[in-house]
PDB file of N, CA and C in Angstrom:
ATOM      1  N   MET A   1       7.330 -16.642  16.996  1.00  0.00           N
ATOM      2  CA  MET A   1       7.459 -16.435  15.582  1.00  0.00           C
ATOM      3  C   MET A   1       8.936 -16.238  15.257  1.00  0.00           C
ATOM      4  N   ALA A   2       9.399 -16.902  14.219  1.00  0.00           N
ATOM      5  CA  ALA A   2      10.785 -16.765  13.785  1.00  0.00           C
ATOM      6  C   ALA A   2      10.904 -15.601  12.810  1.00  0.00           C
ATOM      7  N   TYR A   3      12.011 -14.902  12.871  1.00  0.00           N
ATOM      8  CA  TYR A   3      12.257 -13.776  11.983  1.00  0.00           C
ATOM      9  C   TYR A   3      13.512 -14.022  11.182  1.00  0.00           C
ATOM     10  N   THR A   4      13.632 -13.309  10.074  1.00  0.00           N
ATOM     11  CA  THR A   4      14.801 -13.397   9.224  1.00  0.00           C
ATOM     12  C   THR A   4      15.197 -11.995   8.792  1.00  0.00           C
ATOM     13  N   SER A   5      16.399 -11.854   8.313  1.00  0.00           N
ATOM     14  CA  SER A   5      16.870 -10.564   7.807  1.00  0.00           C
ATOM     15  C   SER A   5      16.744 -10.543   6.295  1.00  0.00           C
ATOM     16  N   ILE A   6      16.463  -9.371   5.746  1.00  0.00           N
ATOM     17  CA  ILE A   6      16.459  -9.186   4.300  1.00  0.00           C
ATOM     18  C   ILE A   6      17.323  -7.973   3.988  1.00  0.00           C
ATOM     19  N   GLN A   7      17.880  -7.955   2.788  1.00  0.00           N
ATOM     20  CA  GLN A   7      18.699  -6.820   2.381  1.00  0.00           C
ATOM     21  C   GLN A   7      17.867  -5.930   1.472  1.00  0.00           C
ATOM     22  N   ILE A   8      17.690  -4.674   1.875  1.00  0.00           N
ATOM     23  CA  ILE A   8      17.001  -3.686   1.052  1.00  0.00           C
ATOM     24  C   ILE A   8      17.829  -2.407   1.077  1.00  0.00           C
ATOM     25  N   SER A   9      17.646  -1.609   0.056  1.00  0.00           N
ATOM     26  CA  SER A   9      18.391  -0.350  -0.002  1.00  0.00           C
ATOM     27  C   SER A   9      17.824   0.632   1.019  1.00  0.00           C
ATOM     28  N   PRO A  10      18.612   1.602   1.425  1.00  0.00           N
ATOM     29  CA  PRO A  10      18.102   2.622   2.350  1.00  0.00           C
ATOM     30  C   PRO A  10      16.889   3.360   1.777  1.00  0.00           C
ATOM     31  N   GLU A  11      16.878   3.557   0.454  1.00  0.00           N
ATOM     32  CA  GLU A  11      15.742   4.233  -0.177  1.00  0.00           C
ATOM     33  C   GLU A  11      14.466   3.414  -0.021  1.00  0.00           C
ATOM     34  N   THR A  12      14.570   2.110  -0.222  1.00  0.00           N
ATOM     35  CA  THR A  12      13.407   1.237  -0.061  1.00  0.00           C
ATOM     36  C   THR A  12      12.946   1.226   1.385  1.00  0.00           C
ATOM     37  N   ARG A  13      13.883   1.156   2.313  1.00  0.00           N
ATOM     38  CA  ARG A  13      13.533   1.194   3.734  1.00  0.00           C
ATOM     39  C   ARG A  13      12.788   2.481   4.072  1.00  0.00           C
ATOM     40  N   ASP A  14      13.245   3.603   3.516  1.00  0.00           N
ATOM     41  CA  ASP A  14      12.582   4.882   3.772  1.00  0.00           C
ATOM     42  C   ASP A  14      11.168   4.907   3.199  1.00  0.00           C
ATOM     43  N   LYS A  15      10.982   4.316   2.012  1.00  0.00           N
ATOM     44  CA  LYS A  15       9.643   4.253   1.419  1.00  0.00           C
ATOM     45  C   LYS A  15       8.708   3.428   2.300  1.00  0.00           C
ATOM     46  N   ILE A  16       9.202   2.313   2.789  1.00  0.00           N
ATOM     47  CA  ILE A  16       8.390   1.461   3.660  1.00  0.00           C
ATOM     48  C   ILE A  16       8.077   2.193   4.958  1.00  0.00           C
ATOM     49  N   ALA A  17       9.045   2.904   5.483  1.00  0.00           N
ATOM     50  CA  ALA A  17       8.843   3.643   6.735  1.00  0.00           C
ATOM     51  C   ALA A  17       7.751   4.697   6.577  1.00  0.00           C
ATOM     52  N   ARG A  18       7.655   5.313   5.393  1.00  0.00           N
ATOM     53  CA  ARG A  18       6.617   6.326   5.166  1.00  0.00           C
ATOM     54  C   ARG A  18       5.223   5.716   5.104  1.00  0.00           C
ATOM     55  N   LEU A  19       5.136   4.419   4.887  1.00  0.00           N
ATOM     56  CA  LEU A  19       3.837   3.743   4.834  1.00  0.00           C
ATOM     57  C   LEU A  19       3.331   3.335   6.212  1.00  0.00           C
ATOM     58  N   LYS A  20       4.169   3.470   7.211  1.00  0.00           N
ATOM     59  CA  LYS A  20       3.764   3.080   8.562  1.00  0.00           C
ATOM     60  C   LYS A  20       2.583   3.925   9.022  1.00  0.00           C
ATOM     61  N   GLY A  21       1.592   3.279   9.610  1.00  0.00           N
ATOM     62  CA  GLY A  21       0.445   3.985  10.154  1.00  0.00           C
ATOM     63  C   GLY A  21       0.770   4.694  11.453  1.00  0.00           C
ATOM     64  N   SER A  22       1.732   4.159  12.181  1.00  0.00           N
ATOM     65  CA  SER A  22       2.186   4.771  13.431  1.00  0.00           C
ATOM     66  C   SER A  22       3.653   4.413  13.626  1.00  0.00           C
ATOM     67  N   SER A  23       4.299   5.124  14.518  1.00  0.00           N
ATOM     68  CA  SER A  23       5.721   4.858  14.745  1.00  0.00           C
ATOM     69  C   SER A  23       5.954   3.487  15.375  1.00  0.00           C
ATOM     70  N   ARG A  24       4.923   2.941  16.004  1.00  0.00           N
ATOM     71  CA  ARG A  24       5.059   1.626  16.656  1.00  0.00           C
ATOM     72  C   ARG A  24       4.822   0.462  15.695  1.00  0.00           C
ATOM     73  N   GLU A  25       4.302   0.747  14.511  1.00  0.00           N
ATOM     74  CA  GLU A  25       4.051  -0.313  13.540  1.00  0.00           C
ATOM     75  C   GLU A  25       5.386  -0.847  13.023  1.00  0.00           C
ATOM     76  N   THR A  26       5.508  -2.155  12.938  1.00  0.00           N
ATOM     77  CA  THR A  26       6.760  -2.766  12.495  1.00  0.00           C
ATOM     78  C   THR A  26       6.810  -2.853  10.972  1.00  0.00           C
ATOM     79  N   TYR A  27       8.029  -3.014  10.448  1.00  0.00           N
ATOM     80  CA  TYR A  27       8.180  -3.208   9.012  1.00  0.00           C
ATOM     81  C   TYR A  27       7.456  -4.479   8.578  1.00  0.00           C
ATOM     82  N   ASP A  28       7.471  -5.499   9.409  1.00  0.00           N
ATOM     83  CA  ASP A  28       6.780  -6.745   9.105  1.00  0.00           C
ATOM     84  C   ASP A  28       5.286  -6.499   8.916  1.00  0.00           C
ATOM     85  N   GLU A  29       4.702  -5.679   9.767  1.00  0.00           N
ATOM     86  CA  GLU A  29       3.273  -5.371   9.652  1.00  0.00           C
ATOM     87  C   GLU A  29       2.975  -4.592   8.373  1.00  0.00           C
ATOM     88  N   VAL A  30       3.834  -3.635   8.041  1.00  0.00           N
ATOM     89  CA  VAL A  30       3.635  -2.848   6.821  1.00  0.00           C
ATOM     90  C   VAL A  30       3.745  -3.745   5.595  1.00  0.00           C
ATOM     91  N   LEU A  31       4.777  -4.573   5.550  1.00  0.00           N
ATOM     92  CA  LEU A  31       4.955  -5.470   4.410  1.00  0.00           C
ATOM     93  C   LEU A  31       3.815  -6.479   4.318  1.00  0.00           C
ATOM     94  N   GLY A  32       3.328  -6.940   5.463  1.00  0.00           N
ATOM     95  CA  GLY A  32       2.189  -7.851   5.468  1.00  0.00           C
ATOM     96  C   GLY A  32       0.949  -7.209   4.874  1.00  0.00           C
ATOM     97  N   LYS A  33       0.700  -5.941   5.229  1.00  0.00           N
ATOM     98  CA  LYS A  33      -0.454  -5.225   4.672  1.00  0.00           C
ATOM     99  C   LYS A  33      -0.309  -5.039   3.167  1.00  0.00           C
ATOM    100  N   LEU A  34       0.898  -4.715   2.718  1.00  0.00           N
ATOM    101  CA  LEU A  34       1.129  -4.581   1.280  1.00  0.00           C
ATOM    102  C   LEU A  34       0.905  -5.908   0.563  1.00  0.00           C
ATOM    103  N   ALA A  35       1.372  -6.987   1.160  1.00  0.00           N
ATOM    104  CA  ALA A  35       1.208  -8.305   0.552  1.00  0.00           C
ATOM    105  C   ALA A  35      -0.264  -8.689   0.450  1.00  0.00           C
ATOM    106  N   GLU A  36      -1.074  -8.266   1.420  1.00  0.00           N
ATOM    107  CA  GLU A  36      -2.506  -8.561   1.379  1.00  0.00           C
ATOM    108  C   GLU A  36      -3.200  -7.842   0.237  1.00  0.00           C
ATOM    109  N   LEU A  37      -2.641  -6.729  -0.227  1.00  0.00           N
ATOM    110  CA  LEU A  37      -3.236  -5.982  -1.329  1.00  0.00           C
ATOM    111  C   LEU A  37      -3.072  -6.685  -2.667  1.00  0.00           C
ATOM    112  N   ILE A  38      -2.147  -7.624  -2.728  1.00  0.00           N
ATOM    113  CA  ILE A  38      -1.878  -8.309  -3.985  1.00  0.00           C
ATOM    114  C   ILE A  38      -2.679  -9.601  -4.021  1.00  0.00           C
ATOM    115  N   PRO A  39      -3.718  -9.646  -4.861  1.00  0.00           N
ATOM    116  CA  PRO A  39      -4.537 -10.863  -4.930  1.00  0.00           C
ATOM    117  C   PRO A  39      -3.728 -12.035  -5.480  1.00  0.00           C
ATOM    118  N   SER A  40      -4.098 -13.215  -5.082  1.00  0.00           N
ATOM    119  CA  SER A  40      -3.387 -14.400  -5.553  1.00  0.00           C
ATOM    120  C   SER A  40      -3.783 -14.764  -6.974  1.00  0.00           C
ATOM    121  N   GLY A  41      -4.878 -14.217  -7.468  1.00  0.00           N
ATOM    122  CA  GLY A  41      -5.321 -14.499  -8.824  1.00  0.00           C
ATOM    123  C   GLY A  41      -6.754 -14.975  -8.851  1.00  0.00           C
ATOM    124  N   ASP A  42      -7.209 -15.337 -10.015  1.00  0.00           N
ATOM    125  CA  ASP A  42      -8.564 -15.848 -10.163  1.00  0.00           C
ATOM    126  C   ASP A  42      -8.513 -17.143 -10.958  1.00  0.00           C
ATOM    127  N   GLU A  43      -9.682 -17.601 -11.423  1.00  0.00           N
ATOM    128  CA  GLU A  43      -9.736 -18.878 -12.142  1.00  0.00           C
ATOM    129  C   GLU A  43      -8.875 -18.870 -13.398  1.00  0.00           C
ATOM    130  N   GLU A  44      -8.701 -17.697 -13.996  1.00  0.00           N
ATOM    131  CA  GLU A  44      -7.987 -17.609 -15.263  1.00  0.00           C
ATOM    132  C   GLU A  44      -6.490 -17.390 -15.097  1.00  0.00           C
ATOM    133  N   GLY A  45      -6.024 -17.206 -13.892  1.00  0.00           N
ATOM    134  CA  GLY A  45      -4.597 -17.014 -13.680  1.00  0.00           C
ATOM    135  C   GLY A  45      -4.305 -15.843 -12.769  1.00  0.00           C
ATOM    136  N   ALA A  46      -3.060 -15.544 -12.613  1.00  0.00           N
ATOM    137  CA  ALA A  46      -2.623 -14.487 -11.698  1.00  0.00           C
ATOM    138  C   ALA A  46      -2.911 -13.109 -12.283  1.00  0.00           C
ATOM    139  N   TYR A  47      -3.081 -12.138 -11.405  1.00  0.00           N
ATOM    140  CA  TYR A  47      -3.282 -10.766 -11.841  1.00  0.00           C
ATOM    141  C   TYR A  47      -1.991 -10.211 -12.431  1.00  0.00           C
ATOM    142  N   SER A  48      -2.140  -9.253 -13.324  1.00  0.00           N
ATOM    143  CA  SER A  48      -0.980  -8.673 -13.996  1.00  0.00           C
ATOM    144  C   SER A  48      -0.182  -7.772 -13.059  1.00  0.00           C
ATOM    145  N   ASP A  49       1.046  -7.530 -13.444  1.00  0.00           N
ATOM    146  CA  ASP A  49       1.892  -6.620 -12.672  1.00  0.00           C
ATOM    147  C   ASP A  49       1.292  -5.219 -12.648  1.00  0.00           C
ATOM    148  N   ALA A  50       0.671  -4.803 -13.757  1.00  0.00           N
ATOM    149  CA  ALA A  50       0.055  -3.471 -13.813  1.00  0.00           C
ATOM    150  C   ALA A  50      -1.053  -3.348 -12.773  1.00  0.00           C
ATOM    151  N   PHE A  51      -1.824  -4.409 -12.588  1.00  0.00           N
ATOM    152  CA  PHE A  51      -2.887  -4.400 -11.585  1.00  0.00           C
ATOM    153  C   PHE A  51      -2.292  -4.271 -10.189  1.00  0.00           C
ATOM    154  N   ARG A  52      -1.249  -5.009  -9.930  1.00  0.00           N
ATOM    155  CA  ARG A  52      -0.592  -4.959  -8.622  1.00  0.00           C
ATOM    156  C   ARG A  52      -0.017  -3.571  -8.344  1.00  0.00           C
ATOM    157  N   VAL A  53       0.620  -2.993  -9.342  1.00  0.00           N
ATOM    158  CA  VAL A  53       1.181  -1.649  -9.183  1.00  0.00           C
ATOM    159  C   VAL A  53       0.059  -0.647  -8.933  1.00  0.00           C
ATOM    160  N   GLY A  54      -1.058  -0.803  -9.628  1.00  0.00           N
ATOM    161  CA  GLY A  54      -2.202   0.085  -9.424  1.00  0.00           C
ATOM    162  C   GLY A  54      -2.720   0.027  -8.000  1.00  0.00           C
ATOM    163  N   LEU A  55      -2.802  -1.161  -7.447  1.00  0.00           N
ATOM    164  CA  LEU A  55      -3.250  -1.300  -6.061  1.00  0.00           C
ATOM    165  C   LEU A  55      -2.292  -0.618  -5.095  1.00  0.00           C
ATOM    166  N   MET A  56      -1.016  -0.817  -5.307  1.00  0.00           N
ATOM    167  CA  MET A  56      -0.038  -0.213  -4.405  1.00  0.00           C
ATOM    168  C   MET A  56      -0.035   1.312  -4.537  1.00  0.00           C
ATOM    169  N   ASN A  57      -0.195   1.812  -5.771  1.00  0.00           N
ATOM    170  CA  ASN A  57      -0.256   3.258  -5.964  1.00  0.00           C
ATOM    171  C   ASN A  57      -1.504   3.846  -5.319  1.00  0.00           C
ATOM    172  N   ALA A  58      -2.603   3.123  -5.384  1.00  0.00           N
ATOM    173  CA  ALA A  58      -3.831   3.598  -4.734  1.00  0.00           C
ATOM    174  C   ALA A  58      -3.635   3.691  -3.227  1.00  0.00           C
ATOM    175  N   ARG A  59      -2.997   2.711  -2.665  1.00  0.00           N
ATOM    176  CA  ARG A  59      -2.721   2.730  -1.220  1.00  0.00           C
ATOM    177  C   ARG A  59      -1.836   3.925  -0.858  1.00  0.00           C
ATOM    178  N   LEU A  60      -0.819   4.166  -1.661  1.00  0.00           N
ATOM    179  CA  LEU A  60       0.060   5.306  -1.411  1.00  0.00           C
ATOM    180  C   LEU A  60      -0.698   6.621  -1.569  1.00  0.00           C
ATOM    181  N   GLY A  61      -1.597   6.683  -2.556  1.00  0.00           N
ATOM    182  CA  GLY A  61      -2.404   7.883  -2.756  1.00  0.00           C
ATOM    183  C   GLY A  61      -3.309   8.166  -1.581  1.00  0.00           C
ATOM    184  N   LEU A  62      -3.908   7.121  -1.037  1.00  0.00           N
ATOM    185  CA  LEU A  62      -4.750   7.285   0.150  1.00  0.00           C
ATOM    186  C   LEU A  62      -3.928   7.790   1.318  1.00  0.00           C
ATOM    187  N   LYS A  63      -2.777   7.193   1.511  1.00  0.00           N
ATOM    188  CA  LYS A  63      -1.912   7.576   2.628  1.00  0.00           C
ATOM    189  C   LYS A  63      -1.453   9.029   2.504  1.00  0.00           C
ATOM    190  N   ALA A  64      -1.167   9.464   1.277  1.00  0.00           N
ATOM    191  CA  ALA A  64      -0.659  10.818   1.048  1.00  0.00           C
ATOM    192  C   ALA A  64      -1.774  11.859   0.966  1.00  0.00           C
ATOM    193  N   GLY A  65      -3.029  11.413   0.977  1.00  0.00           N
ATOM    194  CA  GLY A  65      -4.141  12.357   0.917  1.00  0.00           C
ATOM    195  C   GLY A  65      -4.463  12.839  -0.483  1.00  0.00           C
ATOM    196  N   ARG A  66      -3.964  12.143  -1.514  1.00  0.00           N
ATOM    197  CA  ARG A  66      -4.247  12.538  -2.892  1.00  0.00           C
ATOM    198  C   ARG A  66      -5.589  12.008  -3.372  1.00  0.00           C
ATOM    199  N   VAL A  67      -6.169  11.087  -2.638  1.00  0.00           N
ATOM    200  CA  VAL A  67      -7.443  10.481  -3.002  1.00  0.00           C
ATOM    201  C   VAL A  67      -8.491  10.953  -2.004  1.00  0.00           C
ATOM    202  N   VAL A  68      -9.652  11.347  -2.525  1.00  0.00           N
ATOM    203  CA  VAL A  68     -10.727  11.823  -1.655  1.00  0.00           C
ATOM    204  C   VAL A  68     -11.976  10.985  -1.886  1.00  0.00           C
ATOM    205  N   SER A  69     -12.852  10.978  -0.898  1.00  0.00           N
ATOM    206  CA  SER A  69     -14.099  10.228  -1.021  1.00  0.00           C
ATOM    207  C   SER A  69     -15.061  10.962  -1.947  1.00  0.00           C
ATOM    208  N   HIS A  70     -16.065  10.253  -2.415  1.00  0.00           N
ATOM    209  CA  HIS A  70     -17.087  10.836  -3.275  1.00  0.00           C
ATOM    210  C   HIS A  70     -17.783  11.987  -2.560  1.00  0.00           C
ATOM    211  N   ALA A  71     -18.115  11.795  -1.289  1.00  0.00           N
ATOM    212  CA  ALA A  71     -18.788  12.833  -0.506  1.00  0.00           C
ATOM    213  C   ALA A  71     -17.908  14.079  -0.378  1.00  0.00           C
ATOM    214  N   GLU A  72     -16.617  13.880  -0.145  1.00  0.00           N
ATOM    215  CA  GLU A  72     -15.711  15.024  -0.013  1.00  0.00           C
ATOM    216  C   GLU A  72     -15.570  15.764  -1.336  1.00  0.00           C
ATOM    217  N   LEU A  73     -15.530  15.042  -2.433  1.00  0.00           N
ATOM    218  CA  LEU A  73     -15.436  15.667  -3.746  1.00  0.00           C
ATOM    219  C   LEU A  73     -16.678  16.501  -4.036  1.00  0.00           C
ATOM    220  N   LYS A  74     -17.852  15.956  -3.722  1.00  0.00           N
ATOM    221  CA  LYS A  74     -19.091  16.714  -3.918  1.00  0.00           C
ATOM    222  C   LYS A  74     -19.072  17.994  -3.098  1.00  0.00           C
ATOM    223  N   GLN A  75     -18.596  17.908  -1.878  1.00  0.00           N
ATOM    224  CA  GLN A  75     -18.526  19.080  -1.008  1.00  0.00           C
ATOM    225  C   GLN A  75     -17.568  20.121  -1.590  1.00  0.00           C
ATOM    226  N   ARG A  76     -16.434  19.678  -2.080  1.00  0.00           N
ATOM    227  CA  ARG A  76     -15.461  20.606  -2.667  1.00  0.00           C
ATOM    228  C   ARG A  76     -16.025  21.309  -3.897  1.00  0.00           C
ATOM    229  N   LEU A  77     -16.826  20.564  -4.670  1.00  0.00           N
ATOM    230  CA  LEU A  77     -17.395  21.126  -5.892  1.00  0.00           C
ATOM    231  C   LEU A  77     -18.696  21.880  -5.644  1.00  0.00           C
ATOM    232  N   GLY A  78     -19.172  21.842  -4.420  1.00  0.00           N
ATOM    233  CA  GLY A  78     -20.404  22.543  -4.078  1.00  0.00           C
ATOM    234  C   GLY A  78     -21.652  21.884  -4.630  1.00  0.00           C
ATOM    235  N   LEU A  79     -21.632  20.593  -4.760  1.00  0.00           N
ATOM    236  CA  LEU A  79     -22.791  19.854  -5.294  1.00  0.00           C
ATOM    237  C   LEU A  79     -23.651  19.290  -4.189  1.00  0.00           C
TER     238      LEU A  79
END
């Protein structure tokens, strides 16, 4: 596989590094997973930027533990 260099700010690199599932995961793997979250579109055209941002924010929320499952929420609420 051929590789190329890209220029990103140190802040962006740090954000990507925080998305790594493990220390052995490469930046290429992280970026690939992020790219998979962005749908190519449907019959009517491409998805909006707001939709794409929502998907990425959801992924970040899951990673940071801000999102909980329905079962966990019920348990927390005592239902």
